Each structure stands twice: as structure tokens, then as C-alpha cells.
Amino acid sequence: MHSEDDVQATAGKPHGTARERACIAAMVLLGGMLPVVAKLPLFQDAVWVFWLAALALMLGALALVVRVTWRERRSSGH
């Protein structure tokens, strides 16, 4: 368990590099947008492809967040 000082010390510090944060944000935004695009009449026959791609993007973003968090915890000695 972390003390309150540990939580306050890391609350304002961004995790990961700027490139990793941008990649995570882009993956989440694109993953959230794909199901909306899939509702367009043009893509009615391929809706499952959009949902599958959205799921893959969200899982990829989650994996990247976990990797960044794990790397930073390991490097800080926690």
C-alpha cells in the first residue's frame, strides 16, 4: 500500500513519454470512433470489422498503459 505522500508526489507527474501518451490517446479516440462510423449505411455489411478493430485498439491502449506503468514502477523501486 502506498502512503499519502507517495500518491501526492506522483499525482501531477505524467506517466510515459509524450509519444506514448499521444499514442494511447489516439488509440482510445480511434477505438471509440470506429463503432460510430460502423453505423453509417455505407458500412452495414462490415460492422463486425469495425467493432473488432475498435476492440483491438482499446486492448492495445490498455496493454501500453500497463507496460508504461510497470516500467515506471520498476524503475522507481516500488
PDB file of N, CA and C in Angstrom:
ATOM      1  N   MET A   1       0.843  -1.175   0.000  1.00  0.00           N
ATOM      2  CA  MET A   1       0.000   0.000   0.000  1.00  0.00           C
ATOM      3  C   MET A   1       0.888   1.238   0.000  1.00  0.00           C
ATOM      4  N   HIS A   2       0.500   2.243  -0.739  1.00  0.00           N
ATOM      5  CA  HIS A   2       1.271   3.479  -0.834  1.00  0.00           C
ATOM      6  C   HIS A   2       0.810   4.459   0.232  1.00  0.00           C
ATOM      7  N   SER A   3       1.753   5.242   0.730  1.00  0.00           N
ATOM      8  CA  SER A   3       1.394   6.277   1.685  1.00  0.00           C
ATOM      9  C   SER A   3       0.780   7.455   0.943  1.00  0.00           C
ATOM     10  N   GLU A   4       0.188   8.358   1.685  1.00  0.00           N
ATOM     11  CA  GLU A   4      -0.443   9.534   1.073  1.00  0.00           C
ATOM     12  C   GLU A   4       0.603  10.417   0.399  1.00  0.00           C
ATOM     13  N   ASP A   5       1.815  10.468   0.952  1.00  0.00           N
ATOM     14  CA  ASP A   5       2.891  11.255   0.349  1.00  0.00           C
ATOM     15  C   ASP A   5       3.271  10.711  -1.019  1.00  0.00           C
ATOM     16  N   ASP A   6       3.320   9.372  -1.168  1.00  0.00           N
ATOM     17  CA  ASP A   6       3.640   8.761  -2.457  1.00  0.00           C
ATOM     18  C   ASP A   6       2.587   9.119  -3.497  1.00  0.00           C
ATOM     19  N   VAL A   7       1.338   9.075  -3.095  1.00  0.00           N
ATOM     20  CA  VAL A   7       0.243   9.370  -4.018  1.00  0.00           C
ATOM     21  C   VAL A   7       0.298  10.827  -4.447  1.00  0.00           C
ATOM     22  N   GLN A   8       0.539  11.731  -3.517  1.00  0.00           N
ATOM     23  CA  GLN A   8       0.597  13.151  -3.855  1.00  0.00           C
ATOM     24  C   GLN A   8       1.813  13.471  -4.710  1.00  0.00           C
ATOM     25  N   ALA A   9       2.921  12.782  -4.481  1.00  0.00           N
ATOM     26  CA  ALA A   9       4.136  13.050  -5.237  1.00  0.00           C
ATOM     27  C   ALA A   9       3.998  12.643  -6.700  1.00  0.00           C
ATOM     28  N   THR A  10       3.211  11.616  -6.972  1.00  0.00           N
ATOM     29  CA  THR A  10       3.079  11.131  -8.351  1.00  0.00           C
ATOM     30  C   THR A  10       1.783  11.569  -9.024  1.00  0.00           C
ATOM     31  N   ALA A  11       0.907  12.256  -8.297  1.00  0.00           N
ATOM     32  CA  ALA A  11      -0.397  12.626  -8.870  1.00  0.00           C
ATOM     33  C   ALA A  11      -0.257  13.588 -10.039  1.00  0.00           C
ATOM     34  N   GLY A  12       0.646  14.546  -9.965  1.00  0.00           N
ATOM     35  CA  GLY A  12       0.777  15.534 -11.016  1.00  0.00           C
ATOM     36  C   GLY A  12       1.789  15.168 -12.081  1.00  0.00           C
ATOM     37  N   LYS A  13       2.537  14.111 -11.882  1.00  0.00           N
ATOM     38  CA  LYS A  13       3.590  13.720 -12.816  1.00  0.00           C
ATOM     39  C   LYS A  13       3.006  12.886 -13.950  1.00  0.00           C
ATOM     40  N   PRO A  14       3.197  13.310 -15.204  1.00  0.00           N
ATOM     41  CA  PRO A  14       2.689  12.487 -16.313  1.00  0.00           C
ATOM     42  C   PRO A  14       3.496  11.210 -16.451  1.00  0.00           C
ATOM     43  N   HIS A  15       2.842  10.153 -16.794  1.00  0.00           N
ATOM     44  CA  HIS A  15       3.479   8.848 -16.940  1.00  0.00           C
ATOM     45  C   HIS A  15       3.773   8.571 -18.403  1.00  0.00           C
ATOM     46  N   GLY A  16       4.931   8.029 -18.668  1.00  0.00           N
ATOM     47  CA  GLY A  16       5.299   7.686 -20.033  1.00  0.00           C
ATOM     48  C   GLY A  16       5.835   8.881 -20.793  1.00  0.00           C
ATOM     49  N   THR A  17       6.351   8.598 -21.972  1.00  0.00           N
ATOM     50  CA  THR A  17       6.868   9.669 -22.820  1.00  0.00           C
ATOM     51  C   THR A  17       5.704  10.370 -23.517  1.00  0.00           C
ATOM     52  N   ALA A  18       5.993  11.507 -24.092  1.00  0.00           N
ATOM     53  CA  ALA A  18       4.954  12.246 -24.817  1.00  0.00           C
ATOM     54  C   ALA A  18       4.429  11.409 -25.980  1.00  0.00           C
ATOM     55  N   ARG A  19       5.310  10.658 -26.614  1.00  0.00           N
ATOM     56  CA  ARG A  19       4.894   9.812 -27.733  1.00  0.00           C
ATOM     57  C   ARG A  19       3.960   8.694 -27.265  1.00  0.00           C
ATOM     58  N   GLU A  20       4.277   8.093 -26.113  1.00  0.00           N
ATOM     59  CA  GLU A  20       3.406   7.039 -25.580  1.00  0.00           C
ATOM     60  C   GLU A  20       2.046   7.596 -25.202  1.00  0.00           C
ATOM     61  N   ARG A  21       2.022   8.754 -24.570  1.00  0.00           N
ATOM     62  CA  ARG A  21       0.741   9.363 -24.186  1.00  0.00           C
ATOM     63  C   ARG A  21      -0.086   9.722 -25.417  1.00  0.00           C
ATOM     64  N   ALA A  22       0.565  10.250 -26.449  1.00  0.00           N
ATOM     65  CA  ALA A  22      -0.150  10.594 -27.685  1.00  0.00           C
ATOM     66  C   ALA A  22      -0.684   9.339 -28.372  1.00  0.00           C
ATOM     67  N   CYS A  23       0.102   8.279 -28.360  1.00  0.00           N
ATOM     68  CA  CYS A  23      -0.321   7.020 -28.981  1.00  0.00           C
ATOM     69  C   CYS A  23      -1.530   6.440 -28.246  1.00  0.00           C
ATOM     70  N   ILE A  24      -1.489   6.464 -26.923  1.00  0.00           N
ATOM     71  CA  ILE A  24      -2.615   5.948 -26.132  1.00  0.00           C
ATOM     72  C   ILE A  24      -3.873   6.768 -26.402  1.00  0.00           C
ATOM     73  N   ALA A  25      -3.734   8.092 -26.416  1.00  0.00           N
ATOM     74  CA  ALA A  25      -4.891   8.960 -26.673  1.00  0.00           C
ATOM     75  C   ALA A  25      -5.468   8.707 -28.064  1.00  0.00           C
ATOM     76  N   ALA A  26      -4.599   8.568 -29.053  1.00  0.00           N
ATOM     77  CA  ALA A  26      -5.066   8.323 -30.425  1.00  0.00           C
ATOM     78  C   ALA A  26      -5.765   6.970 -30.531  1.00  0.00           C
ATOM     79  N   MET A  27      -5.214   5.957 -29.879  1.00  0.00           N
ATOM     80  CA  MET A  27      -5.820   4.624 -29.934  1.00  0.00           C
ATOM     81  C   MET A  27      -7.202   4.623 -29.287  1.00  0.00           C
ATOM     82  N   VAL A  28      -7.330   5.297 -28.152  1.00  0.00           N
ATOM     83  CA  VAL A  28      -8.627   5.349 -27.463  1.00  0.00           C
ATOM     84  C   VAL A  28      -9.643   6.137 -28.287  1.00  0.00           C
ATOM     85  N   LEU A  29      -9.228   7.291 -28.835  1.00  0.00           N
ATOM     86  CA  LEU A  29     -10.157   8.086 -29.649  1.00  0.00           C
ATOM     87  C   LEU A  29     -10.595   7.343 -30.905  1.00  0.00           C
ATOM     88  N   LEU A  30      -9.652   6.728 -31.581  1.00  0.00           N
ATOM     89  CA  LEU A  30      -9.987   5.975 -32.790  1.00  0.00           C
ATOM     90  C   LEU A  30     -10.851   4.755 -32.457  1.00  0.00           C
ATOM     91  N   GLY A  31     -10.508   4.085 -31.359  1.00  0.00           N
ATOM     92  CA  GLY A  31     -11.306   2.931 -30.931  1.00  0.00           C
ATOM     93  C   GLY A  31     -12.726   3.311 -30.550  1.00  0.00           C
ATOM     94  N   GLY A  32     -12.899   4.506 -30.013  1.00  0.00           N
ATOM     95  CA  GLY A  32     -14.242   4.985 -29.678  1.00  0.00           C
ATOM     96  C   GLY A  32     -15.017   5.479 -30.882  1.00  0.00           C
ATOM     97  N   MET A  33     -14.291   5.934 -31.895  1.00  0.00           N
ATOM     98  CA  MET A  33     -14.939   6.481 -33.086  1.00  0.00           C
ATOM     99  C   MET A  33     -15.361   5.390 -34.081  1.00  0.00           C
ATOM    100  N   LEU A  34     -14.651   4.297 -34.124  1.00  0.00           N
ATOM    101  CA  LEU A  34     -14.955   3.254 -35.114  1.00  0.00           C
ATOM    102  C   LEU A  34     -16.376   2.687 -35.013  1.00  0.00           C
ATOM    103  N   PRO A  35     -16.892   2.387 -33.817  1.00  0.00           N
ATOM    104  CA  PRO A  35     -18.277   1.898 -33.760  1.00  0.00           C
ATOM    105  C   PRO A  35     -19.296   2.927 -34.248  1.00  0.00           C
ATOM    106  N   VAL A  36     -18.995   4.206 -34.065  1.00  0.00           N
ATOM    107  CA  VAL A  36     -19.899   5.256 -34.560  1.00  0.00           C
ATOM    108  C   VAL A  36     -19.886   5.261 -36.087  1.00  0.00           C
ATOM    109  N   VAL A  37     -18.706   5.144 -36.664  1.00  0.00           N
ATOM    110  CA  VAL A  37     -18.573   5.104 -38.126  1.00  0.00           C
ATOM    111  C   VAL A  37     -19.247   3.847 -38.686  1.00  0.00           C
ATOM    112  N   ALA A  38     -19.193   2.763 -37.935  1.00  0.00           N
ATOM    113  CA  ALA A  38     -19.777   1.500 -38.394  1.00  0.00           C
ATOM    114  C   ALA A  38     -21.289   1.595 -38.582  1.00  0.00           C
ATOM    115  N   LYS A  39     -21.922   2.562 -37.931  1.00  0.00           N
ATOM    116  CA  LYS A  39     -23.380   2.715 -38.057  1.00  0.00           C
ATOM    117  C   LYS A  39     -23.791   3.371 -39.372  1.00  0.00           C
ATOM    118  N   LEU A  40     -22.848   3.932 -40.097  1.00  0.00           N
ATOM    119  CA  LEU A  40     -23.181   4.555 -41.378  1.00  0.00           C
ATOM    120  C   LEU A  40     -23.692   3.503 -42.355  1.00  0.00           C
ATOM    121  N   PRO A  41     -24.671   3.847 -43.174  1.00  0.00           N
ATOM    122  CA  PRO A  41     -25.246   2.872 -44.111  1.00  0.00           C
ATOM    123  C   PRO A  41     -24.220   2.261 -45.073  1.00  0.00           C
ATOM    124  N   LEU A  42     -23.189   3.002 -45.384  1.00  0.00           N
ATOM    125  CA  LEU A  42     -22.162   2.530 -46.306  1.00  0.00           C
ATOM    126  C   LEU A  42     -21.445   1.278 -45.790  1.00  0.00           C
ATOM    127  N   PHE A  43     -21.345   1.142 -44.478  1.00  0.00           N
ATOM    128  CA  PHE A  43     -20.567   0.054 -43.882  1.00  0.00           C
ATOM    129  C   PHE A  43     -21.427  -1.018 -43.209  1.00  0.00           C
ATOM    130  N   GLN A  44     -22.685  -1.133 -43.578  1.00  0.00           N
ATOM    131  CA  GLN A  44     -23.595  -2.064 -42.904  1.00  0.00           C
ATOM    132  C   GLN A  44     -23.135  -3.517 -42.961  1.00  0.00           C
ATOM    133  N   ASP A  45     -22.490  -3.904 -44.044  1.00  0.00           N
ATOM    134  CA  ASP A  45     -22.075  -5.303 -44.175  1.00  0.00           C
ATOM    135  C   ASP A  45     -20.781  -5.608 -43.428  1.00  0.00           C
ATOM    136  N   ALA A  46     -20.071  -4.588 -42.975  1.00  0.00           N
ATOM    137  CA  ALA A  46     -18.770  -4.803 -42.333  1.00  0.00           C
ATOM    138  C   ALA A  46     -18.725  -4.238 -40.920  1.00  0.00           C
ATOM    139  N   VAL A  47     -19.867  -4.169 -40.262  1.00  0.00           N
ATOM    140  CA  VAL A  47     -19.925  -3.604 -38.916  1.00  0.00           C
ATOM    141  C   VAL A  47     -19.017  -4.381 -37.962  1.00  0.00           C
ATOM    142  N   TRP A  48     -18.997  -5.687 -38.075  1.00  0.00           N
ATOM    143  CA  TRP A  48     -18.193  -6.505 -37.156  1.00  0.00           C
ATOM    144  C   TRP A  48     -16.708  -6.197 -37.293  1.00  0.00           C
ATOM    145  N   VAL A  49     -16.251  -5.818 -38.479  1.00  0.00           N
ATOM    146  CA  VAL A  49     -14.835  -5.474 -38.674  1.00  0.00           C
ATOM    147  C   VAL A  49     -14.493  -4.224 -37.875  1.00  0.00           C
ATOM    148  N   PHE A  50     -15.384  -3.235 -37.900  1.00  0.00           N
ATOM    149  CA  PHE A  50     -15.152  -2.001 -37.158  1.00  0.00           C
ATOM    150  C   PHE A  50     -15.129  -2.268 -35.651  1.00  0.00           C
ATOM    151  N   TRP A  51     -16.070  -3.092 -35.183  1.00  0.00           N
ATOM    152  CA  TRP A  51     -16.107  -3.411 -33.760  1.00  0.00           C
ATOM    153  C   TRP A  51     -14.874  -4.204 -33.343  1.00  0.00           C
ATOM    154  N   LEU A  52     -14.437  -5.122 -34.157  1.00  0.00           N
ATOM    155  CA  LEU A  52     -13.240  -5.903 -33.860  1.00  0.00           C
ATOM    156  C   LEU A  52     -12.001  -5.006 -33.838  1.00  0.00           C
ATOM    157  N   ALA A  53     -11.907  -4.098 -34.783  1.00  0.00           N
ATOM    158  CA  ALA A  53     -10.782  -3.159 -34.817  1.00  0.00           C
ATOM    159  C   ALA A  53     -10.813  -2.241 -33.593  1.00  0.00           C
ATOM    160  N   ALA A  54     -11.996  -1.799 -33.197  1.00  0.00           N
ATOM    161  CA  ALA A  54     -12.127  -0.948 -32.013  1.00  0.00           C
ATOM    162  C   ALA A  54     -11.687  -1.700 -30.766  1.00  0.00           C
ATOM    163  N   LEU A  55     -12.092  -2.945 -30.653  1.00  0.00           N
ATOM    164  CA  LEU A  55     -11.686  -3.764 -29.507  1.00  0.00           C
ATOM    165  C   LEU A  55     -10.169  -3.951 -29.482  1.00  0.00           C
ATOM    166  N   ALA A  56      -9.580  -4.218 -30.627  1.00  0.00           N
ATOM    167  CA  ALA A  56      -8.128  -4.394 -30.705  1.00  0.00           C
ATOM    168  C   ALA A  56      -7.399  -3.111 -30.310  1.00  0.00           C
ATOM    169  N   LEU A  57      -7.900  -1.960 -30.751  1.00  0.00           N
ATOM    170  CA  LEU A  57      -7.286  -0.688 -30.384  1.00  0.00           C
ATOM    171  C   LEU A  57      -7.380  -0.424 -28.886  1.00  0.00           C
ATOM    172  N   MET A  58      -8.532  -0.692 -28.306  1.00  0.00           N
ATOM    173  CA  MET A  58      -8.706  -0.478 -26.865  1.00  0.00           C
ATOM    174  C   MET A  58      -7.807  -1.413 -26.056  1.00  0.00           C
ATOM    175  N   LEU A  59      -7.730  -2.669 -26.459  1.00  0.00           N
ATOM    176  CA  LEU A  59      -6.855  -3.620 -25.755  1.00  0.00           C
ATOM    177  C   LEU A  59      -5.387  -3.243 -25.938  1.00  0.00           C
ATOM    178  N   GLY A  60      -5.038  -2.758 -27.104  1.00  0.00           N
ATOM    179  CA  GLY A  60      -3.667  -2.301 -27.337  1.00  0.00           C
ATOM    180  C   GLY A  60      -3.319  -1.103 -26.469  1.00  0.00           C
ATOM    181  N   ALA A  61      -4.249  -0.166 -26.343  1.00  0.00           N
ATOM    182  CA  ALA A  61      -4.027   1.001 -25.487  1.00  0.00           C
ATOM    183  C   ALA A  61      -3.886   0.572 -24.029  1.00  0.00           C
ATOM    184  N   LEU A  62      -4.708  -0.367 -23.600  1.00  0.00           N
ATOM    185  CA  LEU A  62      -4.618  -0.876 -22.231  1.00  0.00           C
ATOM    186  C   LEU A  62      -3.271  -1.552 -21.992  1.00  0.00           C
ATOM    187  N   ALA A  63      -2.826  -2.341 -22.946  1.00  0.00           N
ATOM    188  CA  ALA A  63      -1.527  -3.011 -22.818  1.00  0.00           C
ATOM    189  C   ALA A  63      -0.399  -1.994 -22.737  1.00  0.00           C
ATOM    190  N   LEU A  64      -0.488  -0.924 -23.503  1.00  0.00           N
ATOM    191  CA  LEU A  64       0.538   0.111 -23.470  1.00  0.00           C
ATOM    192  C   LEU A  64       0.544   0.839 -22.126  1.00  0.00           C
ATOM    193  N   VAL A  65      -0.629   1.126 -21.583  1.00  0.00           N
ATOM    194  CA  VAL A  65      -0.719   1.763 -20.269  1.00  0.00           C
ATOM    195  C   VAL A  65      -0.107   0.857 -19.204  1.00  0.00           C
ATOM    196  N   VAL A  66      -0.426  -0.418 -19.254  1.00  0.00           N
ATOM    197  CA  VAL A  66       0.128  -1.362 -18.277  1.00  0.00           C
ATOM    198  C   VAL A  66       1.647  -1.436 -18.410  1.00  0.00           C
ATOM    199  N   ARG A  67       2.156  -1.459 -19.634  1.00  0.00           N
ATOM    200  CA  ARG A  67       3.605  -1.529 -19.849  1.00  0.00           C
ATOM    201  C   ARG A  67       4.308  -0.290 -19.308  1.00  0.00           C
ATOM    202  N   VAL A  68       3.749   0.898 -19.562  1.00  0.00           N
ATOM    203  CA  VAL A  68       4.338   2.144 -19.066  1.00  0.00           C
ATOM    204  C   VAL A  68       4.324   2.165 -17.541  1.00  0.00           C
ATOM    205  N   THR A  69       3.192   1.787 -16.958  1.00  0.00           N
ATOM    206  CA  THR A  69       3.069   1.764 -15.509  1.00  0.00           C
ATOM    207  C   THR A  69       4.053   0.785 -14.889  1.00  0.00           C
ATOM    208  N   TRP A  70       4.146  -0.396 -15.464  1.00  0.00           N
ATOM    209  CA  TRP A  70       5.064  -1.415 -14.953  1.00  0.00           C
ATOM    210  C   TRP A  70       6.511  -0.939 -15.053  1.00  0.00           C
ATOM    211  N   ARG A  71       6.875  -0.330 -16.179  1.00  0.00           N
ATOM    212  CA  ARG A  71       8.238   0.168 -16.376  1.00  0.00           C
ATOM    213  C   ARG A  71       8.574   1.254 -15.360  1.00  0.00           C
ATOM    214  N   GLU A  72       7.644   2.157 -15.110  1.00  0.00           N
ATOM    215  CA  GLU A  72       7.914   3.242 -14.171  1.00  0.00           C
ATOM    216  C   GLU A  72       7.967   2.752 -12.734  1.00  0.00           C
ATOM    217  N   ARG A  73       7.135   1.797 -12.385  1.00  0.00           N
ATOM    218  CA  ARG A  73       7.199   1.244 -11.026  1.00  0.00           C
ATOM    219  C   ARG A  73       8.505   0.496 -10.815  1.00  0.00           C
ATOM    220  N   ARG A  74       8.938  -0.219 -11.831  1.00  0.00           N
ATOM    221  CA  ARG A  74      10.173  -0.971 -11.734  1.00  0.00           C
ATOM    222  C   ARG A  74      11.389  -0.042 -11.622  1.00  0.00           C
ATOM    223  N   SER A  75      11.363   1.061 -12.371  1.00  0.00           N
ATOM    224  CA  SER A  75      12.488   1.986 -12.342  1.00  0.00           C
ATOM    225  C   SER A  75      12.517   2.843 -11.069  1.00  0.00           C
ATOM    226  N   SER A  76      11.361   3.030 -10.433  1.00  0.00           N
ATOM    227  CA  SER A  76      11.328   3.835  -9.208  1.00  0.00           C
ATOM    228  C   SER A  76      11.590   3.000  -7.966  1.00  0.00           C
ATOM    229  N   GLY A  77      11.671   1.694  -8.112  1.00  0.00           N
ATOM    230  CA  GLY A  77      11.995   0.819  -6.988  1.00  0.00           C
ATOM    231  C   GLY A  77      10.815   0.382  -6.145  1.00  0.00           C
ATOM    232  N   HIS A  78       9.592   0.576  -6.623  1.00  0.00           N
ATOM    233  CA  HIS A  78       8.398   0.143  -5.865  1.00  0.00           C
ATOM    234  C   HIS A  78       8.122  -1.305  -6.087  1.00  0.00           C
TER     235      HIS A  78
END
